[in-house]
Amino acid sequence: MLRNKFQKELELLGQELLGMVALIERIIGESSMALTTQDKVLCEKVIAYKDDVNILKAEIESKALKIILMQQPVASDLRKISTALKMIIDLERIAGQARDICEIVFNLCEENYQIKLEILPQMAELTRQMVYDCVNSFVKQDLELAAKTIETDDLIDNLFDKLKQKMIKLIKEKPSFADQAIYLLMVGKHLEKIGDHAENIAEWVIYSKTGKHKNIKII
């Protein structure tokens, strides 16, 4: 009976994580759209999500800690709960990276882009999918999906390398737009960091299932 109650609590925790990741996906998507459309109002909307993210983080943190205190979980269950606590830290930081992108967009709204924004939207979509997949892999305890998330980070890194080359070319050909190139490169860096956070979550998902973090046995 107690075990069934514990499993139910874990399922509810997973559902709350899915709710948080749905908001994070929206934040990434809207920050990318704000960049593409140079929409200041949308930027302000993304920045204002900070309170919503903090509320969800606090609720999940409180639920996880209550489970630990009241249910006395065994080692395998404790790994899942501790992983959830680590995940919400990365999810909060991902939202922060998206807000930083919107802060940069404010500097780009008054000028025309000198390149087609092909790479950055690709990076944003890949990171959005990574974030969804890494949390979903936790809820389903799906190691293959976690591994797929980790592999996808290489695609993000490759796209960022391509972006750097395009920005170098832009600066050489149009020195007066060097600031724009740097701002766009900064956006790419924030997206790369989002990918790193999603990869980190996936690594902890693997730990929650195997007790190993990056092939090092922990518990």
Protein backbone atom coordinates (compact mmCIF):
# COMPACT_ATOMS: atom_id res chain seq x y z
CA MET A 1 0.00 0.00 0.00
CA LEU A 2 2.78 2.43 0.96
CA ARG A 3 4.70 1.43 -2.18
CA ASN A 4 1.69 2.20 -4.37
CA LYS A 5 1.36 5.63 -2.75
CA PHE A 6 5.04 6.27 -3.35
CA GLN A 7 4.78 5.34 -7.03
CA LYS A 8 1.80 7.64 -7.38
CA GLU A 9 3.81 10.49 -5.86
CA LEU A 10 6.63 9.84 -8.34
CA GLU A 11 4.15 9.87 -11.24
CA LEU A 12 2.76 13.22 -10.08
CA LEU A 13 6.30 14.56 -9.85
CA GLY A 14 6.89 13.47 -13.45
CA GLN A 15 3.72 15.21 -14.59
CA GLU A 16 4.81 18.44 -12.92
CA LEU A 17 8.16 18.19 -14.71
CA LEU A 18 6.32 17.79 -18.01
CA GLY A 19 4.34 20.92 -17.18
CA MET A 20 7.54 22.83 -16.54
CA VAL A 21 9.18 21.60 -19.73
CA ALA A 22 6.11 22.64 -21.75
CA LEU A 23 6.64 26.18 -20.50
CA ILE A 24 10.38 26.01 -21.25
CA GLU A 25 9.63 24.81 -24.79
CA ARG A 26 7.32 27.78 -25.27
CA ILE A 27 9.98 30.16 -23.94
CA ILE A 28 12.60 28.80 -26.36
CA GLY A 29 10.17 28.98 -29.28
CA GLU A 30 9.06 32.51 -28.49
CA SER A 31 12.62 33.76 -27.97
CA SER A 32 13.51 32.35 -31.39
CA MET A 33 10.44 33.99 -32.93
CA ALA A 34 11.33 37.29 -31.24
CA LEU A 35 14.79 37.10 -32.81
CA THR A 36 13.39 36.37 -36.27
CA THR A 37 10.67 39.04 -36.17
CA GLN A 38 12.63 41.55 -34.06
CA ASP A 39 9.56 41.83 -31.85
CA LYS A 40 10.22 43.79 -28.66
CA VAL A 41 6.81 42.99 -27.19
CA LEU A 42 7.46 39.28 -27.56
CA CYS A 43 10.86 39.76 -25.95
CA GLU A 44 9.20 41.38 -22.94
CA LYS A 45 6.74 38.48 -22.76
CA VAL A 46 9.57 35.95 -22.66
CA ILE A 47 11.42 37.89 -19.98
CA ALA A 48 8.23 38.06 -17.90
CA TYR A 49 8.02 34.25 -17.80
CA LYS A 50 10.72 34.31 -15.11
CA ASP A 51 8.18 34.34 -12.29
CA ASP A 52 6.25 31.41 -13.79
CA VAL A 53 9.44 29.37 -14.08
CA ASN A 54 10.41 30.15 -10.50
CA ILE A 55 6.98 29.13 -9.20
CA LEU A 56 7.06 25.79 -11.02
CA LYS A 57 10.62 25.14 -9.86
CA ALA A 58 9.66 25.81 -6.24
CA GLU A 59 6.59 23.56 -6.45
CA ILE A 60 8.56 20.64 -7.89
CA GLU A 61 11.37 21.14 -5.40
CA SER A 62 8.89 21.14 -2.50
CA LYS A 63 7.15 17.99 -3.75
CA ALA A 64 10.44 16.14 -4.24
CA LEU A 65 11.69 17.02 -0.78
CA LYS A 66 8.39 15.96 0.82
CA ILE A 67 8.65 12.58 -0.88
CA ILE A 68 12.14 12.10 0.54
CA LEU A 69 11.08 13.12 4.05
CA MET A 70 7.80 11.22 4.23
CA GLN A 71 8.28 8.12 2.06
CA GLN A 72 11.81 6.95 2.98
CA PRO A 73 12.73 5.95 -0.58
CA VAL A 74 15.16 3.14 -1.38
CA ALA A 75 18.33 3.88 -3.37
CA SER A 76 16.80 3.50 -6.84
CA ASP A 77 13.92 5.81 -5.95
CA LEU A 78 16.24 8.29 -4.30
CA ARG A 79 18.19 8.49 -7.56
CA LYS A 80 14.99 9.47 -9.41
CA ILE A 81 14.09 12.14 -6.91
CA SER A 82 17.60 13.60 -6.77
CA THR A 83 17.65 13.61 -10.58
CA ALA A 84 14.39 15.59 -10.62
CA LEU A 85 15.97 18.15 -8.29
CA LYS A 86 18.98 18.49 -10.59
CA MET A 87 16.76 18.73 -13.67
CA ILE A 88 14.81 21.75 -12.45
CA ILE A 89 18.06 23.64 -11.89
CA ASP A 90 19.06 23.06 -15.52
CA LEU A 91 15.54 23.90 -16.74
CA GLU A 92 15.64 27.18 -14.83
CA ARG A 93 19.01 27.99 -16.41
CA ILE A 94 17.66 27.15 -19.86
CA ALA A 95 14.87 29.68 -19.33
CA GLY A 96 17.55 32.16 -18.28
CA GLN A 97 19.47 31.60 -21.51
CA ALA A 98 16.29 32.26 -23.51
CA ARG A 99 15.71 35.48 -21.58
CA ASP A 100 19.31 36.51 -22.34
CA ILE A 101 18.60 35.97 -26.04
CA CYS A 102 15.68 38.39 -25.79
CA GLU A 103 17.87 40.94 -24.02
CA ILE A 104 20.20 40.75 -27.03
CA VAL A 105 17.31 41.10 -29.49
CA PHE A 106 16.54 44.55 -28.03
CA ASN A 107 19.88 45.64 -29.54
CA LEU A 108 18.95 44.27 -32.97
CA CYS A 109 15.41 45.57 -33.44
CA GLU A 110 16.34 48.80 -35.17
CA GLU A 111 18.49 47.39 -37.99
CA ASN A 112 18.12 44.99 -40.90
CA TYR A 113 19.81 41.63 -40.65
CA GLN A 114 22.75 41.30 -43.00
CA ILE A 115 22.46 37.51 -43.22
CA LYS A 116 19.58 35.09 -43.50
CA LEU A 117 18.74 33.74 -40.06
CA GLU A 118 18.88 30.09 -41.09
CA ILE A 119 21.29 28.60 -38.57
CA LEU A 120 19.90 30.20 -35.41
CA PRO A 121 16.30 29.00 -35.92
CA GLN A 122 17.67 25.52 -36.64
CA MET A 123 19.62 25.62 -33.40
CA ALA A 124 16.56 26.86 -31.49
CA GLU A 125 14.38 24.06 -32.83
CA LEU A 126 16.97 21.42 -32.03
CA THR A 127 17.39 22.72 -28.49
CA ARG A 128 13.62 22.84 -27.99
CA GLN A 129 13.40 19.19 -29.05
CA MET A 130 16.35 18.27 -26.85
CA VAL A 131 14.72 19.83 -23.80
CA TYR A 132 11.48 17.98 -24.44
CA ASP A 133 13.26 14.68 -25.08
CA CYS A 134 15.49 14.79 -22.01
CA VAL A 135 12.56 15.39 -19.64
CA ASN A 136 10.41 12.85 -21.43
CA SER A 137 13.24 10.31 -21.15
CA PHE A 138 13.13 10.82 -17.38
CA VAL A 139 9.39 10.37 -17.12
CA LYS A 140 9.50 7.23 -19.26
CA GLN A 141 12.87 6.09 -17.88
CA ASP A 142 13.91 5.70 -21.52
CA LEU A 143 17.69 5.40 -21.81
CA GLU A 144 17.62 5.35 -25.63
CA LEU A 145 15.85 8.70 -25.70
CA ALA A 146 18.35 10.09 -23.19
CA ALA A 147 21.22 8.88 -25.38
CA LYS A 148 19.59 10.45 -28.44
CA THR A 149 19.46 13.78 -26.60
CA ILE A 150 23.16 13.59 -25.83
CA GLU A 151 23.98 12.82 -29.47
CA THR A 152 21.87 15.76 -30.68
CA ASP A 153 24.14 18.16 -28.80
CA ASP A 154 26.84 17.42 -31.39
CA LEU A 155 24.50 18.82 -34.08
CA ILE A 156 24.10 22.00 -32.04
CA ASP A 157 27.88 22.34 -31.73
CA ASN A 158 28.33 21.83 -35.48
CA LEU A 159 25.76 24.51 -36.27
CA PHE A 160 27.44 26.90 -33.86
CA ASP A 161 30.76 26.34 -35.65
CA LYS A 162 29.04 27.19 -38.96
CA LEU A 163 27.55 30.31 -37.39
CA LYS A 164 31.00 31.45 -36.24
CA GLN A 165 32.33 31.13 -39.77
CA LYS A 166 29.42 33.16 -41.16
CA MET A 167 29.92 35.89 -38.57
CA ILE A 168 33.66 36.08 -39.33
CA LYS A 169 32.81 36.47 -43.01
CA LEU A 170 30.23 39.16 -42.25
CA ILE A 171 32.71 41.16 -40.18
CA LYS A 172 35.33 40.95 -42.94
CA GLU A 173 32.91 41.93 -45.71
CA LYS A 174 30.86 44.51 -43.78
CA PRO A 175 32.91 45.86 -40.86
CA SER A 176 30.21 48.40 -40.01
CA PHE A 177 27.95 45.48 -39.01
CA ALA A 178 30.48 43.93 -36.66
CA ASP A 179 28.24 44.65 -33.67
CA GLN A 180 25.37 42.79 -35.31
CA ALA A 181 27.62 39.83 -36.01
CA ILE A 182 28.76 39.73 -32.39
CA TYR A 183 25.19 39.94 -31.08
CA LEU A 184 24.09 37.07 -33.34
CA LEU A 185 27.10 35.06 -32.26
CA MET A 186 26.08 35.66 -28.64
CA VAL A 187 22.60 34.34 -29.43
CA GLY A 188 24.19 31.22 -30.89
CA LYS A 189 26.29 30.80 -27.75
CA HIS A 190 23.19 30.96 -25.55
CA LEU A 191 21.53 28.31 -27.72
CA GLU A 192 24.64 26.16 -27.48
CA LYS A 193 24.47 26.46 -23.69
CA ILE A 194 20.81 25.39 -23.75
CA GLY A 195 21.94 22.27 -25.60
CA ASP A 196 24.59 21.68 -22.93
CA HIS A 197 21.99 21.94 -20.16
CA ALA A 198 19.71 19.49 -21.97
CA GLU A 199 22.64 17.11 -22.39
CA ASN A 200 23.36 17.45 -18.67
CA ILE A 201 19.77 16.52 -17.84
CA ALA A 202 20.03 13.46 -20.08
CA GLU A 203 23.23 12.40 -18.30
CA TRP A 204 21.39 12.55 -14.97
CA VAL A 205 18.48 10.59 -16.42
CA ILE A 206 20.92 7.81 -17.24
CA TYR A 207 22.18 8.04 -13.67
CA SER A 208 18.64 7.76 -12.30
CA LYS A 209 18.27 4.45 -14.11
CA THR A 210 21.77 2.96 -13.78
CA GLY A 211 23.40 4.64 -10.79
CA LYS A 212 26.23 5.77 -13.08
CA HIS A 213 26.97 9.36 -14.07
CA LYS A 214 29.24 9.60 -17.10
CA ASN A 215 30.26 5.97 -16.50
CA ILE A 216 31.21 6.65 -12.87
CA LYS A 217 29.26 4.60 -10.32
CA ILE A 218 27.70 6.88 -7.69
CA ILE A 219 24.84 5.00 -6.02
